Amino acid sequence: MPSSKPNATFALRLNTFVLRLSRNWLRIALVILGFYVSLPWAAPTLMKLGLTGPGMTLYRLYSPFCHQFAFRSFFLYGEQAAYPRYNAGSPLTPFEAYAADLPDFAPSRVHAIGGRIGDIYSFTPGFQFAARDFVGNERMGYKLTLCERDISTYLALFIGGLIYSHPQVRRRLRPVPIYIYIILGVLPIALDGFSQMLGYPPFGLWPERETLPIFRVVTGGLFGFMNAWLGFPYLELSFNETRQQVEAKLARAGIYL
């Protein structure tokens, strides 16, 4: 009959891992979030320093998680911090004024995926893909790897996690009521985002509008902070329950960690 010792050893290691995870989950989450919100700022810095290989690697790593449109992203080391489109109503020089002088956005250029770019004042697929691929230059600076709304969302989520890590906050804070989460977290970002998206092709339900960077920052920040308020307390309750169950199981075996 095979010995049960290997199975017991595996079970002990598994329970030890789960116990450590349940005790340190918040620290682990904050480290991961910290890296995730820091690397978008590293990419333009690497590009500015001439380290284009590592910089482009970061852009590619983040590309599945964000549209990365240059006209909806913050830039570092350039003439402006952002380059909104002409119809955003921003006092900043519009993106099209810069794009008109760039070969990347030449009207006759054919993008490998989006097709012919055409008029840069039109929201064509070719223009969108070109804006996604364009990372910046010496004059404009270099964009972050996440758009304005996404970087605000994850930064607010990270800051919310840091606030929650304070012992008194962690003991007392309960998950945000769902109606507050919807009103302050979901509705602003949904209204701002969908009212913009539905004005563009193929929908065209109303005249095209482009959101100002400040609205992207505010709505993304609210969404991130509300997710922190909702998610972290629920995770705390779940991991506390798991920790108590594992500790009780190990205690019955005479093991105290």
C-alpha atoms as a PDB file:
ATOM      1  CA  MET A   1       0.000   0.000   0.000  1.00  0.00           C
ATOM      2  CA  PRO A   2       1.565   3.343  -1.019  1.00  0.00           C
ATOM      3  CA  SER A   3       2.526   5.654   1.754  1.00  0.00           C
ATOM      4  CA  SER A   4       0.257   8.624   2.469  1.00  0.00           C
ATOM      5  CA  LYS A   5       3.236  10.750   3.483  1.00  0.00           C
ATOM      6  CA  PRO A   6       3.700  12.421   0.040  1.00  0.00           C
ATOM      7  CA  ASN A   7      -0.010  13.318  -0.002  1.00  0.00           C
ATOM      8  CA  ALA A   8       0.198  14.714   3.509  1.00  0.00           C
ATOM      9  CA  THR A   9       3.271  16.752   2.597  1.00  0.00           C
ATOM     10  CA  PHE A  10       1.542  18.176  -0.477  1.00  0.00           C
ATOM     11  CA  ALA A  11      -1.577  19.026   1.555  1.00  0.00           C
ATOM     12  CA  LEU A  12       0.539  20.786   4.175  1.00  0.00           C
ATOM     13  CA  ARG A  13       2.375  22.817   1.541  1.00  0.00           C
ATOM     14  CA  LEU A  14      -0.879  23.739  -0.169  1.00  0.00           C
ATOM     15  CA  ASN A  15      -2.514  24.829   3.079  1.00  0.00           C
ATOM     16  CA  THR A  16       0.597  26.779   4.049  1.00  0.00           C
ATOM     17  CA  PHE A  17       0.525  28.580   0.703  1.00  0.00           C
ATOM     18  CA  VAL A  18      -3.174  29.418   1.053  1.00  0.00           C
ATOM     19  CA  LEU A  19      -2.621  30.617   4.620  1.00  0.00           C
ATOM     20  CA  ARG A  20       0.222  32.922   3.619  1.00  0.00           C
ATOM     21  CA  LEU A  21      -1.797  34.221   0.684  1.00  0.00           C
ATOM     22  CA  SER A  22      -4.785  34.950   2.919  1.00  0.00           C
ATOM     23  CA  ARG A  23      -2.556  36.861   5.345  1.00  0.00           C
ATOM     24  CA  ASN A  24      -0.650  38.848   2.726  1.00  0.00           C
ATOM     25  CA  TRP A  25      -3.109  39.237  -0.168  1.00  0.00           C
ATOM     26  CA  LEU A  26      -3.358  43.018   0.150  1.00  0.00           C
ATOM     27  CA  ARG A  27       0.416  43.492   0.103  1.00  0.00           C
ATOM     28  CA  ILE A  28       0.658  41.254  -2.979  1.00  0.00           C
ATOM     29  CA  ALA A  29      -2.177  43.112  -4.728  1.00  0.00           C
ATOM     30  CA  LEU A  30      -0.588  46.493  -4.049  1.00  0.00           C
ATOM     31  CA  VAL A  31       2.805  45.368  -5.364  1.00  0.00           C
ATOM     32  CA  ILE A  32       1.202  44.117  -8.589  1.00  0.00           C
ATOM     33  CA  LEU A  33      -0.889  47.281  -8.958  1.00  0.00           C
ATOM     34  CA  GLY A  34       2.138  49.415  -8.180  1.00  0.00           C
ATOM     35  CA  PHE A  35       4.094  47.849 -11.031  1.00  0.00           C
ATOM     36  CA  TYR A  36       1.123  48.072 -13.368  1.00  0.00           C
ATOM     37  CA  VAL A  37       0.634  51.818 -12.848  1.00  0.00           C
ATOM     38  CA  SER A  38       4.378  52.588 -12.819  1.00  0.00           C
ATOM     39  CA  LEU A  39       5.477  50.949 -16.070  1.00  0.00           C
ATOM     40  CA  PRO A  40       3.256  53.175 -18.279  1.00  0.00           C
ATOM     41  CA  TRP A  41       5.401  56.124 -17.146  1.00  0.00           C
ATOM     42  CA  ALA A  42       8.622  54.199 -17.725  1.00  0.00           C
ATOM     43  CA  ALA A  43       7.926  53.641 -21.426  1.00  0.00           C
ATOM     44  CA  PRO A  44       8.075  57.321 -22.513  1.00  0.00           C
ATOM     45  CA  THR A  45      11.111  57.823 -20.290  1.00  0.00           C
ATOM     46  CA  LEU A  46      12.903  54.946 -21.999  1.00  0.00           C
ATOM     47  CA  MET A  47      11.979  56.356 -25.408  1.00  0.00           C
ATOM     48  CA  LYS A  48      13.310  59.772 -24.424  1.00  0.00           C
ATOM     49  CA  LEU A  49      16.586  58.195 -23.332  1.00  0.00           C
ATOM     50  CA  GLY A  50      16.920  56.444 -26.668  1.00  0.00           C
ATOM     51  CA  LEU A  51      16.190  52.991 -25.247  1.00  0.00           C
ATOM     52  CA  THR A  52      13.583  52.298 -27.888  1.00  0.00           C
ATOM     53  CA  GLY A  53      13.754  48.501 -27.622  1.00  0.00           C
ATOM     54  CA  PRO A  54      12.614  48.263 -23.981  1.00  0.00           C
ATOM     55  CA  GLY A  55      10.239  51.192 -24.494  1.00  0.00           C
ATOM     56  CA  MET A  56       8.452  49.601 -27.450  1.00  0.00           C
ATOM     57  CA  THR A  57       8.296  46.311 -25.557  1.00  0.00           C
ATOM     58  CA  LEU A  58       6.264  48.029 -22.841  1.00  0.00           C
ATOM     59  CA  TYR A  59       3.904  49.547 -25.416  1.00  0.00           C
ATOM     60  CA  ARG A  60       3.349  46.107 -26.920  1.00  0.00           C
ATOM     61  CA  LEU A  61       2.815  44.485 -23.516  1.00  0.00           C
ATOM     62  CA  TYR A  62       0.073  46.960 -22.624  1.00  0.00           C
ATOM     63  CA  SER A  63      -1.558  47.069 -26.067  1.00  0.00           C
ATOM     64  CA  PRO A  64      -4.061  44.219 -25.392  1.00  0.00           C
ATOM     65  CA  PHE A  65      -5.431  46.151 -22.408  1.00  0.00           C
ATOM     66  CA  CYS A  66      -5.935  49.624 -23.920  1.00  0.00           C
ATOM     67  CA  HIS A  67      -6.684  51.263 -27.277  1.00  0.00           C
ATOM     68  CA  GLN A  68      -3.601  53.506 -26.783  1.00  0.00           C
ATOM     69  CA  PHE A  69      -4.919  56.252 -29.087  1.00  0.00           C
ATOM     70  CA  ALA A  70      -2.354  59.051 -29.052  1.00  0.00           C
ATOM     71  CA  PHE A  71      -5.075  61.720 -28.977  1.00  0.00           C
ATOM     72  CA  ARG A  72      -6.520  60.180 -25.793  1.00  0.00           C
ATOM     73  CA  SER A  73      -3.226  59.646 -23.967  1.00  0.00           C
ATOM     74  CA  PHE A  74      -0.947  61.735 -21.791  1.00  0.00           C
ATOM     75  CA  PHE A  75       2.533  62.543 -23.097  1.00  0.00           C
ATOM     76  CA  LEU A  76       5.816  63.182 -21.299  1.00  0.00           C
ATOM     77  CA  TYR A  77       8.767  65.339 -22.406  1.00  0.00           C
ATOM     78  CA  GLY A  78       6.928  67.187 -25.188  1.00  0.00           C
ATOM     79  CA  GLU A  79       5.279  70.504 -25.943  1.00  0.00           C
ATOM     80  CA  GLN A  80       1.983  69.491 -24.317  1.00  0.00           C
ATOM     81  CA  ALA A  81       0.828  66.966 -21.732  1.00  0.00           C
ATOM     82  CA  ALA A  82      -1.996  65.880 -24.040  1.00  0.00           C
ATOM     83  CA  TYR A  83      -3.096  66.349 -27.650  1.00  0.00           C
ATOM     84  CA  PRO A  84      -6.904  66.141 -27.817  1.00  0.00           C
ATOM     85  CA  ARG A  85      -8.680  66.029 -31.157  1.00  0.00           C
ATOM     86  CA  TYR A  86      -9.926  69.232 -32.768  1.00  0.00           C
ATOM     87  CA  ASN A  87     -13.556  68.652 -31.694  1.00  0.00           C
ATOM     88  CA  ALA A  88     -12.755  68.316 -27.982  1.00  0.00           C
ATOM     89  CA  GLY A  89     -12.997  72.059 -27.442  1.00  0.00           C
ATOM     90  CA  SER A  90      -9.666  72.139 -25.622  1.00  0.00           C
ATOM     91  CA  PRO A  91      -7.400  75.222 -25.460  1.00  0.00           C
ATOM     92  CA  LEU A  92      -4.503  72.899 -26.290  1.00  0.00           C
ATOM     93  CA  THR A  93      -3.242  72.650 -29.856  1.00  0.00           C
ATOM     94  CA  PRO A  94      -5.253  69.800 -31.400  1.00  0.00           C
ATOM     95  CA  PHE A  95      -3.733  66.498 -32.359  1.00  0.00           C
ATOM     96  CA  GLU A  96      -4.564  67.021 -36.039  1.00  0.00           C
ATOM     97  CA  ALA A  97      -2.336  70.116 -36.186  1.00  0.00           C
ATOM     98  CA  TYR A  98       0.642  67.933 -35.293  1.00  0.00           C
ATOM     99  CA  ALA A  99      -0.443  64.876 -37.272  1.00  0.00           C
ATOM    100  CA  ALA A 100      -0.698  66.902 -40.489  1.00  0.00           C
ATOM    101  CA  ASP A 101       3.109  67.162 -40.581  1.00  0.00           C
ATOM    102  CA  LEU A 102       3.793  63.518 -39.742  1.00  0.00           C
ATOM    103  CA  PRO A 103       4.353  60.821 -42.389  1.00  0.00           C
ATOM    104  CA  ASP A 104       2.591  58.380 -40.050  1.00  0.00           C
ATOM    105  CA  PHE A 105      -0.685  60.185 -40.810  1.00  0.00           C
ATOM    106  CA  ALA A 106      -0.266  61.034 -44.484  1.00  0.00           C
ATOM    107  CA  PRO A 107      -3.767  60.823 -46.049  1.00  0.00           C
ATOM    108  CA  SER A 108      -2.535  58.512 -48.807  1.00  0.00           C
ATOM    109  CA  ARG A 109      -0.759  56.155 -46.419  1.00  0.00           C
ATOM    110  CA  VAL A 110      -2.299  52.704 -46.142  1.00  0.00           C
ATOM    111  CA  HIS A 111      -2.199  51.191 -42.676  1.00  0.00           C
ATOM    112  CA  ALA A 112      -1.528  47.463 -42.604  1.00  0.00           C
ATOM    113  CA  ILE A 113      -4.716  46.811 -40.608  1.00  0.00           C
ATOM    114  CA  GLY A 114      -6.949  49.858 -40.879  1.00  0.00           C
ATOM    115  CA  GLY A 115      -6.523  50.565 -44.580  1.00  0.00           C
ATOM    116  CA  ARG A 116      -6.160  54.026 -46.076  1.00  0.00           C
ATOM    117  CA  ILE A 117      -5.856  56.764 -43.440  1.00  0.00           C
ATOM    118  CA  GLY A 118      -7.633  59.429 -45.490  1.00  0.00           C
ATOM    119  CA  ASP A 119      -8.670  62.748 -43.973  1.00  0.00           C
ATOM    120  CA  ILE A 120      -7.104  63.043 -40.505  1.00  0.00           C
ATOM    121  CA  TYR A 121     -10.189  64.958 -39.378  1.00  0.00           C
ATOM    122  CA  SER A 122     -12.288  61.848 -40.002  1.00  0.00           C
ATOM    123  CA  PHE A 123     -12.421  58.976 -37.548  1.00  0.00           C
ATOM    124  CA  THR A 124     -11.508  56.323 -40.110  1.00  0.00           C
ATOM    125  CA  PRO A 125     -10.164  52.882 -39.116  1.00  0.00           C
ATOM    126  CA  GLY A 126      -6.862  53.758 -40.779  1.00  0.00           C
ATOM    127  CA  PHE A 127      -6.555  56.912 -38.700  1.00  0.00           C
ATOM    128  CA  GLN A 128      -7.427  55.038 -35.499  1.00  0.00           C
ATOM    129  CA  PHE A 129      -4.820  52.338 -36.046  1.00  0.00           C
ATOM    130  CA  ALA A 130      -2.201  54.926 -36.978  1.00  0.00           C
ATOM    131  CA  ALA A 131      -2.989  56.836 -33.769  1.00  0.00           C
ATOM    132  CA  ARG A 132      -2.638  53.603 -31.820  1.00  0.00           C
ATOM    133  CA  ASP A 133       0.757  52.815 -33.341  1.00  0.00           C
ATOM    134  CA  PHE A 134       2.130  56.342 -32.964  1.00  0.00           C
ATOM    135  CA  VAL A 135       4.090  56.540 -29.687  1.00  0.00           C
ATOM    136  CA  GLY A 136       5.442  60.076 -30.102  1.00  0.00           C
ATOM    137  CA  ASN A 137       8.522  61.985 -31.181  1.00  0.00           C
ATOM    138  CA  GLU A 138      10.997  64.540 -29.865  1.00  0.00           C
ATOM    139  CA  ARG A 139       8.618  67.433 -30.445  1.00  0.00           C
ATOM    140  CA  MET A 140       5.421  65.975 -29.010  1.00  0.00           C
ATOM    141  CA  GLY A 141       7.076  63.785 -26.413  1.00  0.00           C
ATOM    142  CA  TYR A 142       6.096  60.170 -25.870  1.00  0.00           C
ATOM    143  CA  LYS A 143       2.754  58.812 -24.736  1.00  0.00           C
ATOM    144  CA  LEU A 144       2.066  56.628 -21.723  1.00  0.00           C
ATOM    145  CA  THR A 145       1.243  53.002 -22.462  1.00  0.00           C
ATOM    146  CA  LEU A 146      -2.284  53.484 -21.075  1.00  0.00           C
ATOM    147  CA  CYS A 147      -4.812  56.099 -22.154  1.00  0.00           C
ATOM    148  CA  GLU A 148      -5.874  58.972 -19.907  1.00  0.00           C
ATOM    149  CA  ARG A 149      -8.934  57.187 -18.552  1.00  0.00           C
ATOM    150  CA  ASP A 150      -7.197  53.869 -17.930  1.00  0.00           C
ATOM    151  CA  ILE A 151      -4.171  55.329 -16.154  1.00  0.00           C
ATOM    152  CA  SER A 152      -6.527  57.357 -13.938  1.00  0.00           C
ATOM    153  CA  THR A 153      -8.596  54.260 -13.162  1.00  0.00           C
ATOM    154  CA  TYR A 154      -5.661  52.087 -12.127  1.00  0.00           C
ATOM    155  CA  LEU A 155      -3.918  54.893 -10.278  1.00  0.00           C
ATOM    156  CA  ALA A 156      -7.086  55.568  -8.250  1.00  0.00           C
ATOM    157  CA  LEU A 157      -7.438  51.837  -7.594  1.00  0.00           C
ATOM    158  CA  PHE A 158      -3.854  51.724  -6.326  1.00  0.00           C
ATOM    159  CA  ILE A 159      -4.296  54.825  -4.138  1.00  0.00           C
ATOM    160  CA  GLY A 160      -7.538  53.372  -2.794  1.00  0.00           C
ATOM    161  CA  GLY A 161      -5.652  50.206  -1.900  1.00  0.00           C
ATOM    162  CA  LEU A 162      -2.971  52.196  -0.086  1.00  0.00           C
ATOM    163  CA  ILE A 163      -5.662  53.992   1.918  1.00  0.00           C
ATOM    164  CA  TYR A 164      -7.330  50.686   2.699  1.00  0.00           C
ATOM    165  CA  SER A 165      -4.032  49.229   3.919  1.00  0.00           C
ATOM    166  CA  HIS A 166      -4.099  51.572   6.935  1.00  0.00           C
ATOM    167  CA  PRO A 167      -4.992  49.330   9.911  1.00  0.00           C
ATOM    168  CA  GLN A 168      -7.860  51.491  11.189  1.00  0.00           C
ATOM    169  CA  VAL A 169      -9.392  51.836   7.733  1.00  0.00           C
ATOM    170  CA  ARG A 170      -8.997  48.117   7.087  1.00  0.00           C
ATOM    171  CA  ARG A 171     -10.771  47.210  10.332  1.00  0.00           C
ATOM    172  CA  ARG A 172     -13.695  49.599   9.965  1.00  0.00           C
ATOM    173  CA  LEU A 173     -14.405  50.101   6.276  1.00  0.00           C
ATOM    174  CA  ARG A 174     -17.217  48.068   4.750  1.00  0.00           C
ATOM    175  CA  PRO A 175     -17.940  47.634   1.021  1.00  0.00           C
ATOM    176  CA  VAL A 176     -19.521  50.659  -0.612  1.00  0.00           C
ATOM    177  CA  PRO A 177     -23.311  50.333  -1.055  1.00  0.00           C
ATOM    178  CA  ILE A 178     -24.128  49.215  -4.583  1.00  0.00           C
ATOM    179  CA  TYR A 179     -26.281  52.264  -5.351  1.00  0.00           C
ATOM    180  CA  ILE A 180     -23.384  54.605  -4.474  1.00  0.00           C
ATOM    181  CA  TYR A 181     -21.032  52.468  -6.554  1.00  0.00           C
ATOM    182  CA  ILE A 182     -23.352  52.744  -9.545  1.00  0.00           C
ATOM    183  CA  ILE A 183     -24.072  56.480  -9.150  1.00  0.00           C
ATOM    184  CA  LEU A 184     -20.489  57.614  -8.508  1.00  0.00           C
ATOM    185  CA  GLY A 185     -18.474  54.864 -10.161  1.00  0.00           C
ATOM    186  CA  VAL A 186     -20.345  53.410 -13.116  1.00  0.00           C
ATOM    187  CA  LEU A 187     -22.698  56.122 -14.389  1.00  0.00           C
ATOM    188  CA  PRO A 188     -20.110  58.903 -14.950  1.00  0.00           C
ATOM    189  CA  ILE A 189     -17.750  56.716 -16.963  1.00  0.00           C
ATOM    190  CA  ALA A 190     -20.626  55.091 -18.859  1.00  0.00           C
ATOM    191  CA  LEU A 191     -22.258  58.402 -19.781  1.00  0.00           C
ATOM    192  CA  ASP A 192     -18.980  60.013 -20.789  1.00  0.00           C
ATOM    193  CA  GLY A 193     -17.699  57.018 -22.727  1.00  0.00           C
ATOM    194  CA  PHE A 194     -20.874  55.888 -24.479  1.00  0.00           C
ATOM    195  CA  SER A 195     -22.036  59.404 -25.365  1.00  0.00           C
ATOM    196  CA  GLN A 196     -18.723  59.778 -27.172  1.00  0.00           C
ATOM    197  CA  MET A 197     -18.626  56.339 -28.770  1.00  0.00           C
ATOM    198  CA  LEU A 198     -22.196  56.444 -30.110  1.00  0.00           C
ATOM    199  CA  GLY A 199     -21.499  59.663 -31.991  1.00  0.00           C
ATOM    200  CA  TYR A 200     -18.812  58.004 -34.109  1.00  0.00           C
ATOM    201  CA  PRO A 201     -19.264  55.486 -36.961  1.00  0.00           C
ATOM    202  CA  PRO A 202     -20.795  53.006 -37.290  1.00  0.00           C
ATOM    203  CA  PHE A 203     -23.390  54.387 -34.866  1.00  0.00           C
ATOM    204  CA  GLY A 204     -23.540  58.105 -35.649  1.00  0.00           C
ATOM    205  CA  LEU A 205     -26.527  58.696 -33.364  1.00  0.00           C
ATOM    206  CA  TRP A 206     -25.578  62.358 -32.880  1.00  0.00           C
ATOM    207  CA  PRO A 207     -22.795  64.760 -33.864  1.00  0.00           C
ATOM    208  CA  GLU A 208     -19.313  63.518 -33.014  1.00  0.00           C
ATOM    209  CA  ARG A 209     -17.935  64.664 -29.684  1.00  0.00           C
ATOM    210  CA  GLU A 210     -14.541  64.146 -28.092  1.00  0.00           C
ATOM    211  CA  THR A 211     -14.144  64.162 -24.331  1.00  0.00           C
ATOM    212  CA  LEU A 212     -11.710  66.564 -22.699  1.00  0.00           C
ATOM    213  CA  PRO A 213      -8.792  64.969 -20.821  1.00  0.00           C
ATOM    214  CA  ILE A 214     -10.127  66.273 -17.494  1.00  0.00           C
ATOM    215  CA  PHE A 215     -13.370  64.313 -17.946  1.00  0.00           C
ATOM    216  CA  ARG A 216     -11.411  61.164 -18.702  1.00  0.00           C
ATOM    217  CA  VAL A 217      -9.326  61.666 -15.574  1.00  0.00           C
ATOM    218  CA  VAL A 218     -12.317  62.372 -13.323  1.00  0.00           C
ATOM    219  CA  THR A 219     -14.533  59.546 -14.593  1.00  0.00           C
ATOM    220  CA  GLY A 220     -11.659  57.058 -14.635  1.00  0.00           C
ATOM    221  CA  GLY A 221     -10.551  58.117 -11.170  1.00  0.00           C
ATOM    222  CA  LEU A 222     -14.061  57.779  -9.733  1.00  0.00           C
ATOM    223  CA  PHE A 223     -14.440  54.347 -11.299  1.00  0.00           C
ATOM    224  CA  GLY A 224     -11.102  53.173  -9.922  1.00  0.00           C
ATOM    225  CA  PHE A 225     -11.714  54.533  -6.438  1.00  0.00           C
ATOM    226  CA  MET A 226     -15.216  53.037  -6.260  1.00  0.00           C
ATOM    227  CA  ASN A 227     -13.811  49.681  -7.351  1.00  0.00           C
ATOM    228  CA  ALA A 228     -11.244  49.905  -4.562  1.00  0.00           C
ATOM    229  CA  TRP A 229     -13.962  50.712  -2.019  1.00  0.00           C
ATOM    230  CA  LEU A 230     -16.118  47.853  -3.273  1.00  0.00           C
ATOM    231  CA  GLY A 231     -13.485  45.230  -4.003  1.00  0.00           C
ATOM    232  CA  PHE A 232     -10.907  45.467  -1.226  1.00  0.00           C
ATOM    233  CA  PRO A 233     -13.353  45.085   1.711  1.00  0.00           C
ATOM    234  CA  TYR A 234     -15.033  42.113   0.015  1.00  0.00           C
ATOM    235  CA  LEU A 235     -11.663  40.491  -0.613  1.00  0.00           C
ATOM    236  CA  GLU A 236     -10.730  41.121   3.012  1.00  0.00           C
ATOM    237  CA  LEU A 237     -13.879  39.354   4.229  1.00  0.00           C
ATOM    238  CA  SER A 238     -13.259  36.419   1.898  1.00  0.00           C
ATOM    239  CA  PHE A 239      -9.579  36.004   2.777  1.00  0.00           C
ATOM    240  CA  ASN A 240     -10.318  36.343   6.504  1.00  0.00           C
ATOM    241  CA  GLU A 241     -12.798  33.488   6.229  1.00  0.00           C
ATOM    242  CA  THR A 242     -10.273  31.398   4.302  1.00  0.00           C
ATOM    243  CA  ARG A 243      -7.533  32.167   6.836  1.00  0.00           C
ATOM    244  CA  GLN A 244      -9.719  31.097   9.760  1.00  0.00           C
ATOM    245  CA  GLN A 245     -10.683  27.850   8.029  1.00  0.00           C
ATOM    246  CA  VAL A 246      -7.079  26.926   7.208  1.00  0.00           C
ATOM    247  CA  GLU A 247      -5.833  27.854  10.688  1.00  0.00           C
ATOM    248  CA  ALA A 248      -8.542  25.669  12.241  1.00  0.00           C
ATOM    249  CA  LYS A 249      -7.663  22.778   9.924  1.00  0.00           C
ATOM    250  CA  LEU A 250      -3.963  23.007  10.773  1.00  0.00           C
ATOM    251  CA  ALA A 251      -4.700  23.385  14.477  1.00  0.00           C
ATOM    252  CA  ARG A 252      -6.620  20.095  14.440  1.00  0.00           C
ATOM    253  CA  ALA A 253      -3.439  18.515  13.075  1.00  0.00           C
ATOM    254  CA  GLY A 254      -1.382  20.164  15.808  1.00  0.00           C
ATOM    255  CA  ILE A 255       0.275  22.595  13.396  1.00  0.00           C
ATOM    256  CA  TYR A 256       0.468  26.293  14.224  1.00  0.00           C
ATOM    257  CA  LEU A 257       1.931  28.734  11.738  1.00  0.00           C
END
